[in-house]
Amino acid sequence: MRAIIFDFFGTLTDPSAESLRRETFTATAQALGVPPEHFWAVMSGSFPERIIGAYGGTRATLLAMARLCGVDPDDETLDRAVATHHAGAERVRTPRPEAIGVLDHLRADGYRLGLLSDCSSELCEAWPQTVYASRIDAPVFSWREGHRKPDPRLYATAAARLGVPAAECWFVGDGGSREHDGARRAGMRPVLVTNAAHPAVAALRTDPDSYLPEHRIDDLAGLIRLLGSNHDNG
């Protein structure tokens, strides 16, 4: 095994930060001047399209969402809303406590590291400034690629950009978007992060995976132990 590909939200990010998402959407709605409940509904309903880039970047997306709510914001209002939305997104992508240390440990051990995320525009736009960017060799974003998990093209793209055959990749994620079944079908070894310390987060997963991988860890620290066990048995 030469490479590890991570899911992003709830895997590298702090699972408890997912509970902030509705609060951050409310702040964006208020900046746009639209009813928060209506904004939440149109954002939730447009999720499948937003994460494959159908609405464009964050500014274009927020303009489209505002119009769906019956509001046509001026440029100043839209500027303020974009800034508010990016600030909220930054809160939601706070690293889980052990994430950065685990990534650094894996890099020091010589593993190639990838990312495969179903995400909307704000993560792609902010990625170079995040603490994750310098630690991930090959980030693959659904918004940029125009496909979402478990589309096999995403897994193939991640492996190709890492320069590693799929059979030599592990995929590590918390189980949304049927990602583990996609990884298995792509020829990767799937590893489930159960987030055992955050049981409420499971209810927030989009399109949860019915396939349960053989390999399961409670948090990312468990990945280091699993790798050690794999080496001992190999």
C-alpha atoms as a PDB file:
ATOM      1  CA  MET A   1       0.000   0.000   0.000  1.00  0.00           C
ATOM      2  CA  ARG A   2       1.475   3.306  -1.097  1.00  0.00           C
ATOM      3  CA  ALA A   3      -1.262   5.923  -0.846  1.00  0.00           C
ATOM      4  CA  ILE A   4      -4.160   6.984   1.361  1.00  0.00           C
ATOM      5  CA  ILE A   5      -7.108   8.966   0.035  1.00  0.00           C
ATOM      6  CA  PHE A   6      -9.274  10.800   2.549  1.00  0.00           C
ATOM      7  CA  ASP A   7     -12.822  12.032   2.556  1.00  0.00           C
ATOM      8  CA  PHE A   8     -12.966  15.593   3.882  1.00  0.00           C
ATOM      9  CA  PHE A   9     -16.030  16.548   5.942  1.00  0.00           C
ATOM     10  CA  GLY A  10     -16.357  14.483   9.105  1.00  0.00           C
ATOM     11  CA  THR A  11     -13.110  12.677   8.336  1.00  0.00           C
ATOM     12  CA  LEU A  12     -10.350  15.287   8.281  1.00  0.00           C
ATOM     13  CA  THR A  13     -12.628  17.959   9.722  1.00  0.00           C
ATOM     14  CA  ASP A  14     -13.932  18.015  13.279  1.00  0.00           C
ATOM     15  CA  PRO A  15     -17.208  16.045  13.212  1.00  0.00           C
ATOM     16  CA  SER A  16     -18.712  18.319  15.852  1.00  0.00           C
ATOM     17  CA  ALA A  17     -18.292  21.296  13.501  1.00  0.00           C
ATOM     18  CA  GLU A  18     -21.010  19.858  11.250  1.00  0.00           C
ATOM     19  CA  SER A  19     -23.540  21.104  13.792  1.00  0.00           C
ATOM     20  CA  LEU A  20     -22.488  24.668  12.893  1.00  0.00           C
ATOM     21  CA  ARG A  21     -23.573  24.376   9.268  1.00  0.00           C
ATOM     22  CA  ARG A  22     -27.155  25.555   9.767  1.00  0.00           C
ATOM     23  CA  GLU A  23     -25.983  28.450  11.926  1.00  0.00           C
ATOM     24  CA  THR A  24     -23.541  29.561   9.234  1.00  0.00           C
ATOM     25  CA  PHE A  25     -26.238  29.325   6.551  1.00  0.00           C
ATOM     26  CA  THR A  26     -28.453  31.522   8.717  1.00  0.00           C
ATOM     27  CA  ALA A  27     -25.713  34.162   8.823  1.00  0.00           C
ATOM     28  CA  THR A  28     -25.402  34.036   5.028  1.00  0.00           C
ATOM     29  CA  ALA A  29     -29.176  34.343   4.637  1.00  0.00           C
ATOM     30  CA  GLN A  30     -29.224  37.389   6.878  1.00  0.00           C
ATOM     31  CA  ALA A  31     -26.409  38.975   4.883  1.00  0.00           C
ATOM     32  CA  LEU A  32     -28.410  38.379   1.688  1.00  0.00           C
ATOM     33  CA  GLY A  33     -31.620  39.666   3.231  1.00  0.00           C
ATOM     34  CA  VAL A  34     -33.563  36.433   2.699  1.00  0.00           C
ATOM     35  CA  PRO A  35     -35.538  34.341   5.222  1.00  0.00           C
ATOM     36  CA  PRO A  36     -33.146  31.826   6.840  1.00  0.00           C
ATOM     37  CA  GLU A  37     -35.600  28.915   6.622  1.00  0.00           C
ATOM     38  CA  HIS A  38     -36.196  29.527   2.930  1.00  0.00           C
ATOM     39  CA  PHE A  39     -32.458  29.837   2.305  1.00  0.00           C
ATOM     40  CA  TRP A  40     -31.781  26.585   4.158  1.00  0.00           C
ATOM     41  CA  ALA A  41     -34.416  24.844   2.050  1.00  0.00           C
ATOM     42  CA  VAL A  42     -33.023  26.011  -1.291  1.00  0.00           C
ATOM     43  CA  MET A  43     -29.431  25.289  -0.255  1.00  0.00           C
ATOM     44  CA  SER A  44     -30.377  21.797   0.913  1.00  0.00           C
ATOM     45  CA  GLY A  45     -32.468  21.122  -2.167  1.00  0.00           C
ATOM     46  CA  SER A  46     -29.739  22.276  -4.531  1.00  0.00           C
ATOM     47  CA  PHE A  47     -26.968  20.272  -2.856  1.00  0.00           C
ATOM     48  CA  PRO A  48     -26.664  17.582  -5.569  1.00  0.00           C
ATOM     49  CA  GLU A  49     -26.289  20.254  -8.242  1.00  0.00           C
ATOM     50  CA  ARG A  50     -24.106  22.616  -6.218  1.00  0.00           C
ATOM     51  CA  ILE A  51     -21.472  19.968  -5.526  1.00  0.00           C
ATOM     52  CA  ILE A  52     -20.959  19.225  -9.219  1.00  0.00           C
ATOM     53  CA  GLY A  53     -20.543  22.900 -10.104  1.00  0.00           C
ATOM     54  CA  ALA A  54     -23.939  23.461 -11.719  1.00  0.00           C
ATOM     55  CA  TYR A  55     -24.288  26.923 -10.168  1.00  0.00           C
ATOM     56  CA  GLY A  56     -20.687  28.048 -10.632  1.00  0.00           C
ATOM     57  CA  GLY A  57     -18.609  29.718  -7.930  1.00  0.00           C
ATOM     58  CA  THR A  58     -19.740  30.944  -4.530  1.00  0.00           C
ATOM     59  CA  ARG A  59     -20.799  34.394  -5.713  1.00  0.00           C
ATOM     60  CA  ALA A  60     -22.863  33.013  -8.598  1.00  0.00           C
ATOM     61  CA  THR A  61     -24.325  30.323  -6.351  1.00  0.00           C
ATOM     62  CA  LEU A  62     -25.457  32.759  -3.675  1.00  0.00           C
ATOM     63  CA  LEU A  63     -26.996  35.019  -6.296  1.00  0.00           C
ATOM     64  CA  ALA A  64     -28.931  32.058  -7.700  1.00  0.00           C
ATOM     65  CA  MET A  65     -30.056  30.965  -4.232  1.00  0.00           C
ATOM     66  CA  ALA A  66     -31.174  34.488  -3.330  1.00  0.00           C
ATOM     67  CA  ARG A  67     -33.231  34.684  -6.509  1.00  0.00           C
ATOM     68  CA  LEU A  68     -34.824  31.337  -5.694  1.00  0.00           C
ATOM     69  CA  CYS A  69     -35.843  32.992  -2.428  1.00  0.00           C
ATOM     70  CA  GLY A  70     -37.362  35.919  -4.320  1.00  0.00           C
ATOM     71  CA  VAL A  71     -34.565  38.417  -3.656  1.00  0.00           C
ATOM     72  CA  ASP A  72     -32.208  40.035  -6.186  1.00  0.00           C
ATOM     73  CA  PRO A  73     -29.308  41.408  -4.097  1.00  0.00           C
ATOM     74  CA  ASP A  74     -27.169  44.318  -5.239  1.00  0.00           C
ATOM     75  CA  ASP A  75     -23.393  43.953  -5.603  1.00  0.00           C
ATOM     76  CA  GLU A  76     -22.601  45.314  -2.144  1.00  0.00           C
ATOM     77  CA  THR A  77     -25.049  42.940  -0.485  1.00  0.00           C
ATOM     78  CA  LEU A  78     -23.683  40.032  -2.491  1.00  0.00           C
ATOM     79  CA  ASP A  79     -20.098  40.922  -1.570  1.00  0.00           C
ATOM     80  CA  ARG A  80     -21.059  40.908   2.096  1.00  0.00           C
ATOM     81  CA  ALA A  81     -22.877  37.600   1.759  1.00  0.00           C
ATOM     82  CA  VAL A  82     -19.944  35.926   0.010  1.00  0.00           C
ATOM     83  CA  ALA A  83     -17.569  37.047   2.773  1.00  0.00           C
ATOM     84  CA  THR A  84     -20.004  35.834   5.428  1.00  0.00           C
ATOM     85  CA  HIS A  85     -20.454  32.501   3.692  1.00  0.00           C
ATOM     86  CA  HIS A  86     -16.710  31.906   3.381  1.00  0.00           C
ATOM     87  CA  ALA A  87     -16.230  32.772   7.054  1.00  0.00           C
ATOM     88  CA  GLY A  88     -18.895  30.253   7.986  1.00  0.00           C
ATOM     89  CA  ALA A  89     -17.373  27.588   5.750  1.00  0.00           C
ATOM     90  CA  GLU A  90     -14.026  28.103   7.469  1.00  0.00           C
ATOM     91  CA  ARG A  91     -15.640  27.295  10.823  1.00  0.00           C
ATOM     92  CA  VAL A  92     -17.181  24.097   9.473  1.00  0.00           C
ATOM     93  CA  ARG A  93     -13.863  22.853   8.072  1.00  0.00           C
ATOM     94  CA  THR A  94     -11.967  23.112  11.373  1.00  0.00           C
ATOM     95  CA  PRO A  95      -9.576  20.128  11.548  1.00  0.00           C
ATOM     96  CA  ARG A  96     -10.408  17.335  13.938  1.00  0.00           C
ATOM     97  CA  PRO A  97      -7.900  17.429  16.831  1.00  0.00           C
ATOM     98  CA  GLU A  98      -5.663  14.623  15.563  1.00  0.00           C
ATOM     99  CA  ALA A  99      -5.946  15.302  11.818  1.00  0.00           C
ATOM    100  CA  ILE A 100      -2.897  17.456  11.136  1.00  0.00           C
ATOM    101  CA  GLY A 101      -0.618  15.302  13.260  1.00  0.00           C
ATOM    102  CA  VAL A 102      -1.804  12.158  11.479  1.00  0.00           C
ATOM    103  CA  LEU A 103      -1.289  13.694   8.034  1.00  0.00           C
ATOM    104  CA  ASP A 104       2.217  14.808   8.975  1.00  0.00           C
ATOM    105  CA  HIS A 105       3.003  11.359  10.383  1.00  0.00           C
ATOM    106  CA  LEU A 106       1.834   9.652   7.193  1.00  0.00           C
ATOM    107  CA  ARG A 107       3.825  11.998   4.971  1.00  0.00           C
ATOM    108  CA  ALA A 108       6.928  11.399   7.066  1.00  0.00           C
ATOM    109  CA  ASP A 109       6.400   7.663   6.571  1.00  0.00           C
ATOM    110  CA  GLY A 110       6.419   8.159   2.808  1.00  0.00           C
ATOM    111  CA  TYR A 111       2.753   7.721   1.949  1.00  0.00           C
ATOM    112  CA  ARG A 112       1.203   9.684  -0.896  1.00  0.00           C
ATOM    113  CA  LEU A 113      -1.913  11.468   0.360  1.00  0.00           C
ATOM    114  CA  GLY A 114      -5.040  12.290  -1.609  1.00  0.00           C
ATOM    115  CA  LEU A 115      -8.409  13.869  -0.970  1.00  0.00           C
ATOM    116  CA  LEU A 116     -11.765  13.002  -2.500  1.00  0.00           C
ATOM    117  CA  SER A 117     -14.529  15.353  -1.410  1.00  0.00           C
ATOM    118  CA  ASP A 118     -18.125  15.937  -2.389  1.00  0.00           C
ATOM    119  CA  CYS A 119     -18.056  19.676  -1.877  1.00  0.00           C
ATOM    120  CA  SER A 120     -19.386  22.962  -3.147  1.00  0.00           C
ATOM    121  CA  SER A 121     -17.420  25.934  -4.406  1.00  0.00           C
ATOM    122  CA  GLU A 122     -16.281  27.484  -1.149  1.00  0.00           C
ATOM    123  CA  LEU A 123     -13.867  24.658  -0.275  1.00  0.00           C
ATOM    124  CA  CYS A 124     -12.261  24.750  -3.733  1.00  0.00           C
ATOM    125  CA  GLU A 125     -11.908  28.532  -3.658  1.00  0.00           C
ATOM    126  CA  ALA A 126     -10.343  28.543  -0.189  1.00  0.00           C
ATOM    127  CA  TRP A 127      -8.287  25.345  -0.507  1.00  0.00           C
ATOM    128  CA  PRO A 128      -4.833  26.886  -1.136  1.00  0.00           C
ATOM    129  CA  GLN A 129      -5.129  28.869   2.108  1.00  0.00           C
ATOM    130  CA  THR A 130      -6.214  25.942   4.290  1.00  0.00           C
ATOM    131  CA  VAL A 131      -3.939  24.006   6.636  1.00  0.00           C
ATOM    132  CA  TYR A 132      -4.711  20.889   4.629  1.00  0.00           C
ATOM    133  CA  ALA A 133      -3.430  22.046   1.241  1.00  0.00           C
ATOM    134  CA  SER A 134       0.303  21.622   1.869  1.00  0.00           C
ATOM    135  CA  ARG A 135      -0.277  18.136   3.280  1.00  0.00           C
ATOM    136  CA  ILE A 136      -2.394  16.682   0.464  1.00  0.00           C
ATOM    137  CA  ASP A 137      -0.625  15.664  -2.736  1.00  0.00           C
ATOM    138  CA  ALA A 138      -3.716  15.232  -4.902  1.00  0.00           C
ATOM    139  CA  PRO A 139      -6.996  16.920  -3.941  1.00  0.00           C
ATOM    140  CA  VAL A 140     -10.026  15.903  -6.021  1.00  0.00           C
ATOM    141  CA  PHE A 141     -13.190  17.971  -5.628  1.00  0.00           C
ATOM    142  CA  SER A 142     -16.591  16.977  -6.989  1.00  0.00           C
ATOM    143  CA  TRP A 143     -17.366  20.640  -7.723  1.00  0.00           C
ATOM    144  CA  ARG A 144     -14.352  20.904 -10.000  1.00  0.00           C
ATOM    145  CA  GLU A 145     -14.652  17.470 -11.629  1.00  0.00           C
ATOM    146  CA  GLY A 146     -18.393  17.621 -12.315  1.00  0.00           C
ATOM    147  CA  HIS A 147     -19.038  14.209 -10.717  1.00  0.00           C
ATOM    148  CA  ARG A 148     -19.934  13.115  -7.183  1.00  0.00           C
ATOM    149  CA  LYS A 149     -19.185  10.017  -5.163  1.00  0.00           C
ATOM    150  CA  PRO A 150     -19.496   7.107  -5.721  1.00  0.00           C
ATOM    151  CA  ASP A 151     -18.775   7.857  -9.403  1.00  0.00           C
ATOM    152  CA  PRO A 152     -15.802   5.621 -10.351  1.00  0.00           C
ATOM    153  CA  ARG A 153     -14.238   8.435 -12.360  1.00  0.00           C
ATOM    154  CA  LEU A 154     -13.449  10.326  -9.156  1.00  0.00           C
ATOM    155  CA  TYR A 155     -11.559   7.415  -7.610  1.00  0.00           C
ATOM    156  CA  ALA A 156      -9.682   6.800 -10.843  1.00  0.00           C
ATOM    157  CA  THR A 157      -8.764  10.484 -11.014  1.00  0.00           C
ATOM    158  CA  ALA A 158      -7.453  10.490  -7.444  1.00  0.00           C
ATOM    159  CA  ALA A 159      -5.305   7.399  -8.031  1.00  0.00           C
ATOM    160  CA  ALA A 160      -3.974   8.752 -11.325  1.00  0.00           C
ATOM    161  CA  ARG A 161      -2.995  12.099  -9.802  1.00  0.00           C
ATOM    162  CA  LEU A 162      -1.222  10.299  -6.991  1.00  0.00           C
ATOM    163  CA  GLY A 163       0.575   8.123  -9.529  1.00  0.00           C
ATOM    164  CA  VAL A 164      -0.444   5.009  -7.622  1.00  0.00           C
ATOM    165  CA  PRO A 165      -2.609   2.078  -8.829  1.00  0.00           C
ATOM    166  CA  ALA A 166      -6.021   1.917  -7.149  1.00  0.00           C
ATOM    167  CA  ALA A 167      -5.138  -1.474  -5.674  1.00  0.00           C
ATOM    168  CA  GLU A 168      -2.353   0.206  -3.699  1.00  0.00           C
ATOM    169  CA  CYS A 169      -4.639   2.899  -2.239  1.00  0.00           C
ATOM    170  CA  TRP A 170      -6.665   2.963   0.954  1.00  0.00           C
ATOM    171  CA  PHE A 171      -9.764   5.142   1.082  1.00  0.00           C
ATOM    172  CA  VAL A 172     -10.612   6.565   4.519  1.00  0.00           C
ATOM    173  CA  GLY A 173     -13.965   8.199   5.203  1.00  0.00           C
ATOM    174  CA  ASP A 174     -16.954   8.469   7.530  1.00  0.00           C
ATOM    175  CA  GLY A 175     -19.377   6.791   5.137  1.00  0.00           C
ATOM    176  CA  GLY A 176     -21.423   9.496   3.432  1.00  0.00           C
ATOM    177  CA  SER A 177     -22.193   9.545  -0.297  1.00  0.00           C
ATOM    178  CA  ARG A 178     -21.821   5.738  -0.578  1.00  0.00           C
ATOM    179  CA  GLU A 179     -18.110   6.466  -0.709  1.00  0.00           C
ATOM    180  CA  HIS A 180     -16.879   3.134   0.632  1.00  0.00           C
ATOM    181  CA  ASP A 181     -18.817   1.097  -1.873  1.00  0.00           C
ATOM    182  CA  GLY A 182     -17.359   3.354  -4.546  1.00  0.00           C
ATOM    183  CA  ALA A 183     -13.850   2.799  -3.205  1.00  0.00           C
ATOM    184  CA  ARG A 184     -14.345  -0.965  -3.101  1.00  0.00           C
ATOM    185  CA  ARG A 185     -15.633  -1.027  -6.661  1.00  0.00           C
ATOM    186  CA  ALA A 186     -12.657   1.083  -7.732  1.00  0.00           C
ATOM    187  CA  GLY A 187     -10.274  -1.527  -6.333  1.00  0.00           C
ATOM    188  CA  MET A 188      -9.222   0.412  -3.217  1.00  0.00           C
ATOM    189  CA  ARG A 189      -9.315  -0.802   0.373  1.00  0.00           C
ATOM    190  CA  PRO A 190     -12.048   1.142   2.211  1.00  0.00           C
ATOM    191  CA  VAL A 191     -11.626   2.125   5.860  1.00  0.00           C
ATOM    192  CA  LEU A 192     -14.609   3.458   7.832  1.00  0.00           C
ATOM    193  CA  VAL A 193     -14.108   6.229  10.388  1.00  0.00           C
ATOM    194  CA  THR A 194     -16.997   5.530  12.772  1.00  0.00           C
ATOM    195  CA  ASN A 195     -16.708   8.816  14.695  1.00  0.00           C
ATOM    196  CA  ALA A 196     -17.775   6.836  17.745  1.00  0.00           C
ATOM    197  CA  ALA A 197     -17.344   9.881  19.972  1.00  0.00           C
ATOM    198  CA  HIS A 198     -19.806  11.831  17.807  1.00  0.00           C
ATOM    199  CA  PRO A 199     -22.903   9.619  17.420  1.00  0.00           C
ATOM    200  CA  ALA A 200     -25.186  12.487  16.378  1.00  0.00           C
ATOM    201  CA  VAL A 201     -23.102  13.179  13.279  1.00  0.00           C
ATOM    202  CA  ALA A 202     -24.330  10.017  11.543  1.00  0.00           C
ATOM    203  CA  ALA A 203     -27.756  11.625  11.107  1.00  0.00           C
ATOM    204  CA  LEU A 204     -26.164  14.463   9.116  1.00  0.00           C
ATOM    205  CA  ARG A 205     -24.575  12.228   6.469  1.00  0.00           C
ATOM    206  CA  THR A 206     -25.837  12.627   2.926  1.00  0.00           C
ATOM    207  CA  ASP A 207     -26.668   9.384   1.115  1.00  0.00           C
ATOM    208  CA  PRO A 208     -25.107   7.121   3.774  1.00  0.00           C
ATOM    209  CA  ASP A 209     -23.290   3.963   2.732  1.00  0.00           C
ATOM    210  CA  SER A 210     -25.083   0.656   3.280  1.00  0.00           C
ATOM    211  CA  TYR A 211     -21.818  -1.196   2.658  1.00  0.00           C
ATOM    212  CA  LEU A 212     -19.743  -1.543   5.836  1.00  0.00           C
ATOM    213  CA  PRO A 213     -16.015  -2.071   5.277  1.00  0.00           C
ATOM    214  CA  GLU A 214     -14.128  -4.761   7.135  1.00  0.00           C
ATOM    215  CA  HIS A 215     -11.662  -2.177   8.444  1.00  0.00           C
ATOM    216  CA  ARG A 216     -13.125   0.345  10.904  1.00  0.00           C
ATOM    217  CA  ILE A 217     -11.525   2.930  13.155  1.00  0.00           C
ATOM    218  CA  ASP A 218     -13.107   5.281  15.691  1.00  0.00           C
ATOM    219  CA  ASP A 219     -10.944   8.266  14.747  1.00  0.00           C
ATOM    220  CA  LEU A 220      -7.893   9.098  12.650  1.00  0.00           C
ATOM    221  CA  ALA A 221      -5.470   8.067  15.378  1.00  0.00           C
ATOM    222  CA  GLY A 222      -6.800   4.575  14.785  1.00  0.00           C
ATOM    223  CA  LEU A 223      -5.478   4.745  11.232  1.00  0.00           C
ATOM    224  CA  ILE A 224      -1.885   4.763  12.468  1.00  0.00           C
ATOM    225  CA  ARG A 225      -2.585   1.661  14.542  1.00  0.00           C
ATOM    226  CA  LEU A 226      -4.343  -0.033  11.621  1.00  0.00           C
ATOM    227  CA  LEU A 227      -1.390   0.654   9.344  1.00  0.00           C
ATOM    228  CA  GLY A 228       0.966  -0.785  11.938  1.00  0.00           C
ATOM    229  CA  SER A 229      -1.159  -3.906  12.202  1.00  0.00           C
ATOM    230  CA  ASN A 230      -1.250  -4.215   8.416  1.00  0.00           C
ATOM    231  CA  HIS A 231       2.547  -4.035   8.254  1.00  0.00           C
ATOM    232  CA  ASP A 232       2.908  -6.584  11.049  1.00  0.00           C
ATOM    233  CA  ASN A 233       0.643  -8.987   9.171  1.00  0.00           C
ATOM    234  CA  GLY A 234       2.199  -8.275   5.808  1.00  0.00           C
END
